[in-house]
N, C-alpha and C. Protein backbone atom coordinates (compact mmCIF):
# COMPACT_ATOMS: atom_id res chain seq x y z
N UNK A 1 -65.14 88.68 68.27
CA UNK A 1 -66.07 88.38 69.05
C UNK A 1 -66.72 87.11 68.44
N UNK A 2 -66.71 86.54 67.56
CA UNK A 2 -67.15 85.41 66.88
C UNK A 2 -66.69 83.96 68.09
N UNK A 3 -65.18 84.31 68.08
CA UNK A 3 -64.74 83.15 68.85
C UNK A 3 -65.18 83.44 70.12
N UNK A 4 -65.96 84.20 70.74
CA UNK A 4 -66.06 84.16 71.90
C UNK A 4 -67.45 83.58 72.94
N UNK A 5 -68.36 84.20 71.38
CA UNK A 5 -69.33 83.13 71.45
C UNK A 5 -69.74 82.05 71.10
N UNK A 6 -68.87 81.65 70.14
CA UNK A 6 -68.87 80.04 69.91
C UNK A 6 -68.07 79.13 71.10
N UNK A 7 -67.09 79.82 71.71
CA UNK A 7 -66.86 79.01 72.78
C UNK A 7 -68.06 78.89 74.07
N UNK A 8 -68.65 80.04 74.30
CA UNK A 8 -69.55 80.29 75.17
C UNK A 8 -71.01 79.30 74.72
N UNK A 9 -71.25 79.03 73.72
CA UNK A 9 -71.89 78.10 72.81
C UNK A 9 -71.95 76.58 73.60
N UNK A 10 -70.21 76.34 73.26
CA UNK A 10 -69.71 75.34 73.84
C UNK A 10 -70.28 74.94 75.49
N UNK A 11 -69.45 76.09 76.16
CA UNK A 11 -69.79 75.47 77.10
C UNK A 11 -71.58 75.68 77.61
N UNK A 12 -72.01 76.95 77.32
CA UNK A 12 -73.82 76.10 78.06
C UNK A 12 -73.81 74.75 77.50
N UNK A 13 -73.55 74.12 75.96
CA UNK A 13 -73.99 72.68 75.46
C UNK A 13 -73.12 71.78 76.51
N UNK A 14 -72.14 71.93 76.82
CA UNK A 14 -71.70 71.34 77.93
C UNK A 14 -72.41 71.04 79.04
N UNK A 15 -72.52 71.87 79.67
CA UNK A 15 -73.39 72.12 81.06
C UNK A 15 -74.79 71.61 80.59
N UNK A 16 -75.32 71.84 79.43
CA UNK A 16 -76.90 71.04 79.16
C UNK A 16 -77.01 69.68 79.20
N UNK A 17 -76.01 69.26 78.85
CA UNK A 17 -75.96 67.79 78.17
C UNK A 17 -75.02 67.00 79.34
N UNK A 18 -74.90 67.91 80.62
CA UNK A 18 -74.73 66.93 81.67
C UNK A 18 -73.48 67.21 82.01
N UNK A 19 -72.11 67.21 81.06
CA UNK A 19 -70.67 67.11 81.21
C UNK A 19 -70.25 67.72 82.50
N UNK A 20 -69.71 66.54 83.33
CA UNK A 20 -69.14 66.74 85.03
C UNK A 20 -68.11 68.08 84.83
N UNK A 21 -67.96 69.10 85.87
CA UNK A 21 -67.12 69.75 86.04
C UNK A 21 -65.66 69.55 86.33
N UNK A 22 -64.54 69.87 86.19
CA UNK A 22 -63.38 69.46 85.87
C UNK A 22 -63.17 69.77 87.81
N UNK A 23 -63.10 70.79 87.47
CA UNK A 23 -62.87 71.29 89.58
C UNK A 23 -63.25 70.58 90.45
N UNK A 24 -62.24 69.94 91.21
CA UNK A 24 -63.18 68.97 92.59
C UNK A 24 -63.58 67.60 92.24
N UNK A 25 -63.39 66.79 90.83
CA UNK A 25 -63.23 65.64 90.59
C UNK A 25 -62.17 64.70 90.66
N UNK A 26 -62.47 63.65 90.88
CA UNK A 26 -61.38 62.36 90.79
C UNK A 26 -61.10 62.24 89.88
N UNK A 27 -59.91 61.93 89.43
CA UNK A 27 -59.61 61.42 87.89
C UNK A 27 -59.74 59.96 88.18
N UNK A 28 -60.26 59.55 87.05
CA UNK A 28 -60.41 57.95 87.13
C UNK A 28 -60.03 57.05 85.94
N UNK A 29 -58.73 56.61 85.88
CA UNK A 29 -58.57 55.68 84.67
C UNK A 29 -57.66 56.68 83.94
N UNK A 30 -57.40 57.70 84.23
CA UNK A 30 -56.46 59.11 83.74
C UNK A 30 -54.91 58.62 84.07
N UNK A 31 -54.16 58.70 83.12
CA UNK A 31 -52.69 58.58 83.88
C UNK A 31 -51.85 60.32 83.70
N UNK A 32 -51.67 60.45 84.35
CA UNK A 32 -51.24 61.61 84.41
C UNK A 32 -49.36 62.32 84.81
N UNK A 33 -48.88 62.73 83.37
CA UNK A 33 -47.48 63.21 83.41
C UNK A 33 -46.85 64.49 83.71
N UNK A 34 -46.18 65.16 84.81
CA UNK A 34 -46.03 66.28 85.03
C UNK A 34 -43.96 66.54 85.65
N UNK A 35 -43.64 67.67 85.08
CA UNK A 35 -42.74 68.61 85.01
C UNK A 35 -42.81 69.25 85.78
N UNK A 36 -42.22 69.74 87.42
CA UNK A 36 -42.11 70.93 87.77
C UNK A 36 -40.84 71.17 87.76
N UNK A 37 -40.36 72.63 87.30
CA UNK A 37 -39.01 73.05 86.98
C UNK A 37 -39.36 74.31 88.78
N UNK A 38 -38.31 74.26 89.32
CA UNK A 38 -37.77 75.53 90.48
C UNK A 38 -36.82 76.03 90.16
N UNK A 39 -36.42 77.38 90.47
CA UNK A 39 -35.25 77.89 90.92
C UNK A 39 -35.13 78.18 92.25
N UNK A 40 -33.83 78.02 92.76
CA UNK A 40 -33.93 78.90 94.07
C UNK A 40 -32.82 79.66 93.83
N UNK A 41 -32.88 80.79 94.59
CA UNK A 41 -32.28 81.85 94.89
C UNK A 41 -31.76 82.11 95.58
N UNK A 42 -30.12 81.46 96.34
CA UNK A 42 -29.88 81.28 97.54
C UNK A 42 -28.68 82.69 97.82
N UNK A 43 -28.94 83.63 98.81
CA UNK A 43 -28.30 84.68 98.93
C UNK A 43 -28.68 85.74 97.67
N UNK A 44 -29.36 86.20 97.33
CA UNK A 44 -29.97 86.59 96.29
C UNK A 44 -29.85 86.16 94.94
N UNK A 45 -28.72 86.36 94.21
CA UNK A 45 -28.01 85.49 93.22
C UNK A 45 -27.04 85.03 93.34
N UNK A 46 -26.27 85.25 94.54
CA UNK A 46 -24.73 84.28 94.53
C UNK A 46 -24.75 83.09 94.37
N UNK A 47 -25.75 82.23 94.69
CA UNK A 47 -25.83 80.52 94.42
C UNK A 47 -27.37 80.64 93.28
N UNK A 48 -27.32 79.34 92.38
CA UNK A 48 -28.83 79.35 92.75
C UNK A 48 -28.76 78.31 91.90
N UNK A 49 -29.99 77.14 92.09
CA UNK A 49 -30.42 76.21 92.34
C UNK A 49 -31.13 75.60 91.76
N UNK A 50 -31.18 74.64 90.24
CA UNK A 50 -32.29 74.64 89.85
C UNK A 50 -32.51 73.16 90.24
N UNK A 51 -33.84 72.58 90.31
CA UNK A 51 -34.93 71.52 90.63
C UNK A 51 -35.82 71.23 90.00
N UNK A 52 -35.71 70.25 88.94
CA UNK A 52 -36.93 69.23 87.90
C UNK A 52 -37.46 68.57 88.43
N UNK A 53 -38.52 68.74 88.77
CA UNK A 53 -39.24 67.51 89.30
C UNK A 53 -40.24 66.36 88.35
N UNK A 54 -40.30 65.06 88.49
CA UNK A 54 -40.41 64.00 87.06
C UNK A 54 -41.91 63.20 88.20
N UNK A 55 -42.88 63.51 87.97
CA UNK A 55 -44.00 62.39 88.62
C UNK A 55 -44.95 61.92 87.58
N UNK A 56 -45.11 61.18 88.37
CA UNK A 56 -46.62 60.03 86.85
C UNK A 56 -47.21 59.52 88.26
N UNK A 57 -48.68 60.03 87.64
CA UNK A 57 -49.76 59.69 88.58
C UNK A 57 -49.72 60.24 90.01
N UNK A 58 -48.97 61.78 90.25
CA UNK A 58 -49.04 62.50 91.56
C UNK A 58 -47.94 61.32 92.57
N UNK A 59 -46.25 60.94 91.87
CA UNK A 59 -45.98 59.99 92.44
C UNK A 59 -44.74 60.46 92.01
N UNK A 60 -43.79 61.23 92.63
CA UNK A 60 -42.51 61.67 92.17
C UNK A 60 -41.99 60.46 92.30
N UNK A 61 -41.31 60.72 90.67
CA UNK A 61 -40.41 58.99 90.54
C UNK A 61 -38.56 59.42 90.33
N UNK A 62 -38.42 60.64 89.68
CA UNK A 62 -36.88 60.96 89.67
C UNK A 62 -37.24 62.86 89.82
N UNK A 63 -35.85 63.55 89.95
CA UNK A 63 -36.02 64.49 90.03
C UNK A 63 -34.38 64.78 89.73
N UNK A 64 -34.08 66.05 89.18
CA UNK A 64 -32.82 66.83 88.51
C UNK A 64 -32.05 67.64 89.55
N UNK A 65 -31.14 67.76 90.25
CA UNK A 65 -31.15 68.46 91.11
C UNK A 65 -29.50 69.37 90.40
N UNK A 66 -29.27 70.37 90.42
CA UNK A 66 -28.21 70.92 89.87
C UNK A 66 -27.23 71.00 90.84
N UNK A 67 -27.48 70.72 92.45
CA UNK A 67 -26.35 70.79 92.65
C UNK A 67 -25.79 69.33 92.75
N UNK A 68 -26.30 68.32 92.89
CA UNK A 68 -26.03 67.08 92.26
C UNK A 68 -25.44 67.04 91.02
N UNK A 69 -26.10 67.59 90.42
CA UNK A 69 -25.52 67.82 88.93
C UNK A 69 -26.07 66.33 87.93
N UNK A 70 -26.90 65.66 88.85
CA UNK A 70 -26.92 64.46 87.81
C UNK A 70 -28.93 63.86 88.55
N UNK A 71 -29.64 63.46 87.74
CA UNK A 71 -30.70 62.85 88.09
C UNK A 71 -30.74 61.68 89.01
N UNK A 72 -31.97 61.73 89.65
CA UNK A 72 -31.76 61.31 91.34
C UNK A 72 -33.16 60.39 90.75
N UNK A 73 -33.05 59.35 91.48
CA UNK A 73 -34.19 58.42 91.38
C UNK A 73 -35.16 58.63 92.88
N UNK A 74 -36.45 58.62 92.88
CA UNK A 74 -36.70 58.83 94.08
C UNK A 74 -37.92 57.78 94.46
N UNK A 75 -38.16 56.56 92.86
CA UNK A 75 -38.69 55.60 93.73
C UNK A 75 -38.43 54.83 92.62
N UNK A 76 -38.42 53.31 92.85
CA UNK A 76 -38.13 52.32 91.96
C UNK A 76 -38.14 52.30 90.71
N UNK A 77 -39.61 52.78 90.04
CA UNK A 77 -40.06 52.86 89.12
C UNK A 77 -39.48 53.97 88.55
N UNK A 78 -38.66 54.83 89.06
CA UNK A 78 -37.65 56.09 88.14
C UNK A 78 -36.63 55.80 88.49
N UNK A 79 -35.76 54.47 88.42
CA UNK A 79 -34.32 54.00 88.75
C UNK A 79 -34.00 53.79 87.10
N UNK A 80 -34.83 53.36 86.57
CA UNK A 80 -34.07 53.05 84.66
C UNK A 80 -34.21 54.41 83.97
N UNK A 81 -35.41 55.07 84.89
CA UNK A 81 -35.42 56.60 84.07
C UNK A 81 -34.44 57.62 84.32
N UNK A 82 -33.94 57.72 85.42
CA UNK A 82 -32.67 58.06 85.77
C UNK A 82 -31.58 57.94 85.45
N UNK A 83 -31.25 56.48 85.44
CA UNK A 83 -29.64 55.91 84.68
C UNK A 83 -29.91 56.15 83.40
N UNK A 84 -31.57 56.70 82.52
CA UNK A 84 -30.91 56.47 81.32
C UNK A 84 -30.41 57.86 80.45
N UNK A 85 -31.07 58.93 81.85
CA UNK A 85 -30.65 60.08 81.64
C UNK A 85 -29.34 60.91 81.93
N UNK A 86 -28.87 59.93 82.82
CA UNK A 86 -27.30 60.08 83.19
C UNK A 86 -26.85 59.65 82.30
N UNK A 87 -26.85 59.15 81.75
CA UNK A 87 -26.27 57.99 80.72
C UNK A 87 -25.92 58.93 79.36
N UNK A 88 -26.83 60.13 79.32
CA UNK A 88 -26.73 60.99 77.78
C UNK A 88 -25.94 62.45 78.31
N UNK A 89 -25.01 62.61 77.85
CA UNK A 89 -24.22 63.67 78.52
C UNK A 89 -24.55 65.35 77.91
N UNK A 90 -24.97 64.85 76.74
CA UNK A 90 -25.61 66.21 76.21
C UNK A 90 -26.96 66.63 77.09
N UNK A 91 -27.78 65.32 77.43
CA UNK A 91 -29.05 65.82 78.26
C UNK A 91 -28.32 66.57 79.88
N UNK A 92 -27.73 66.02 80.27
CA UNK A 92 -27.14 66.43 81.51
C UNK A 92 -26.38 68.16 81.36
N UNK A 93 -25.95 68.33 80.01
CA UNK A 93 -25.24 69.55 79.88
C UNK A 93 -26.18 70.69 79.97
N UNK A 94 -27.32 70.02 79.05
CA UNK A 94 -28.31 70.92 78.97
C UNK A 94 -29.39 70.93 80.43
N UNK A 95 -28.90 70.55 81.17
CA UNK A 95 -30.17 70.70 82.24
C UNK A 95 -29.10 71.85 83.10
N UNK A 96 -27.56 71.48 82.86
CA UNK A 96 -26.54 72.40 83.76
C UNK A 96 -27.10 73.76 82.85
N UNK A 97 -26.80 73.92 81.97
CA UNK A 97 -27.37 75.29 81.37
C UNK A 97 -28.26 75.85 81.44
N UNK A 98 -29.62 75.57 82.18
CA UNK A 98 -30.86 75.88 82.54
C UNK A 98 -30.59 76.89 83.09
N UNK A 99 -29.66 76.87 84.46
CA UNK A 99 -29.16 77.48 85.63
C UNK A 99 -29.37 78.66 85.19
N UNK A 100 -28.50 79.28 84.04
CA UNK A 100 -28.33 80.19 83.72
C UNK A 100 -29.22 80.89 82.80
N UNK A 101 -29.15 80.41 81.84
CA UNK A 101 -30.60 80.43 80.41
C UNK A 101 -31.61 80.79 81.22
N UNK A 102 -32.25 79.80 81.78
CA UNK A 102 -33.55 79.80 82.67
C UNK A 102 -33.94 80.61 84.31
N UNK A 103 -32.61 79.91 85.10
CA UNK A 103 -32.89 80.95 86.26
C UNK A 103 -32.27 82.65 85.91
N UNK A 104 -30.93 82.46 86.14
CA UNK A 104 -30.83 84.00 85.60
C UNK A 104 -31.20 85.00 85.25
N UNK A 105 -30.99 84.06 84.19
CA UNK A 105 -31.64 85.16 83.08
C UNK A 105 -33.28 85.62 83.66
N UNK A 106 -34.65 84.96 83.60
CA UNK A 106 -35.48 85.26 84.32
C UNK A 106 -35.58 86.16 85.79
N UNK A 107 -34.42 85.56 86.38
CA UNK A 107 -34.63 86.40 87.68
C UNK A 107 -34.21 87.82 87.31
N UNK A 108 -33.17 87.79 86.50
CA UNK A 108 -32.80 89.65 85.83
C UNK A 108 -34.48 89.94 85.64
N UNK A 109 -35.17 89.60 84.51
CA UNK A 109 -36.23 90.21 84.55
C UNK A 109 -37.08 90.41 84.96
N UNK A 110 -37.62 89.57 86.02
CA UNK A 110 -38.77 89.37 86.62
C UNK A 110 -38.41 90.54 87.69
N UNK A 111 -36.92 91.03 87.94
CA UNK A 111 -36.69 91.79 89.54
C UNK A 111 -36.78 93.44 88.73
N UNK A 112 -36.61 93.56 87.42
CA UNK A 112 -36.93 94.63 86.98
C UNK A 112 -38.36 95.26 87.02
N UNK A 113 -39.33 93.94 86.89
CA UNK A 113 -40.77 94.54 87.36
C UNK A 113 -41.37 94.92 88.85
N UNK A 114 -40.29 93.75 89.93
CA UNK A 114 -40.92 93.40 91.47
C UNK A 114 -40.14 94.36 92.21
N UNK A 115 -38.94 94.57 91.60
CA UNK A 115 -37.89 95.60 92.44
C UNK A 115 -38.51 96.97 92.59
N UNK A 116 -38.73 97.81 93.30
CA UNK A 116 -39.28 99.01 93.37
C UNK A 116 -38.66 100.11 94.64
N UNK A 117 -38.63 100.88 94.86
CA UNK A 117 -37.69 101.77 96.04
C UNK A 117 -39.18 102.80 95.89
N UNK A 118 -39.32 102.45 97.50
CA UNK A 118 -40.13 103.19 97.94
C UNK A 118 -39.82 104.04 99.18
N UNK A 119 -40.55 105.57 99.37
CA UNK A 119 -40.36 105.97 100.08
C UNK A 119 -40.89 106.07 101.65
N UNK A 120 -40.67 105.64 102.85
CA UNK A 120 -42.00 105.36 103.65
C UNK A 120 -41.22 106.06 104.99
N UNK A 121 -41.60 106.78 105.52
CA UNK A 121 -41.17 107.54 106.77
C UNK A 121 -39.92 107.70 107.03
N UNK A 122 -39.20 108.20 105.77
CA UNK A 122 -38.59 108.83 105.48
C UNK A 122 -36.74 107.81 105.45
N UNK A 123 -37.19 106.56 104.67
CA UNK A 123 -36.27 105.46 105.03
C UNK A 123 -36.46 104.97 103.78
N UNK A 124 -35.67 104.43 102.81
CA UNK A 124 -35.95 103.71 101.79
C UNK A 124 -35.97 101.83 101.80
N UNK A 125 -36.91 101.18 101.25
CA UNK A 125 -37.10 100.29 101.19
C UNK A 125 -37.08 99.32 100.21
N UNK A 126 -36.44 98.39 99.76
CA UNK A 126 -36.47 97.85 98.62
C UNK A 126 -37.46 96.39 98.56
N UNK A 127 -38.69 96.48 98.22
CA UNK A 127 -39.56 95.56 97.65
C UNK A 127 -38.92 94.03 96.89
């Protein structure tokens, strides 16, 4: 309870002092690095594809595609980075292993919670 009260007090202090809200505000002078990983399941689990995208200041500069097996640059700024990452065999092996350790593993766990059988009008439907 003490932490919640303290967090509330800090929030009130920021609002009173005129701190601008984060939502909907344009960021200026702040550099952002973003890595986004997606697993694509084609024909359920017959084929799995991992795509890892690297962005800097909202511009995608490189991505790793498990179907290609290498980093690909999407902008001139990402060319050196892609060459560097592709020159490291242990880095590429780690990315290839993510298809099994991240995508397949999490798919099996998530389906335990998402897949359920229902009886609707005498037919069974899998969601």
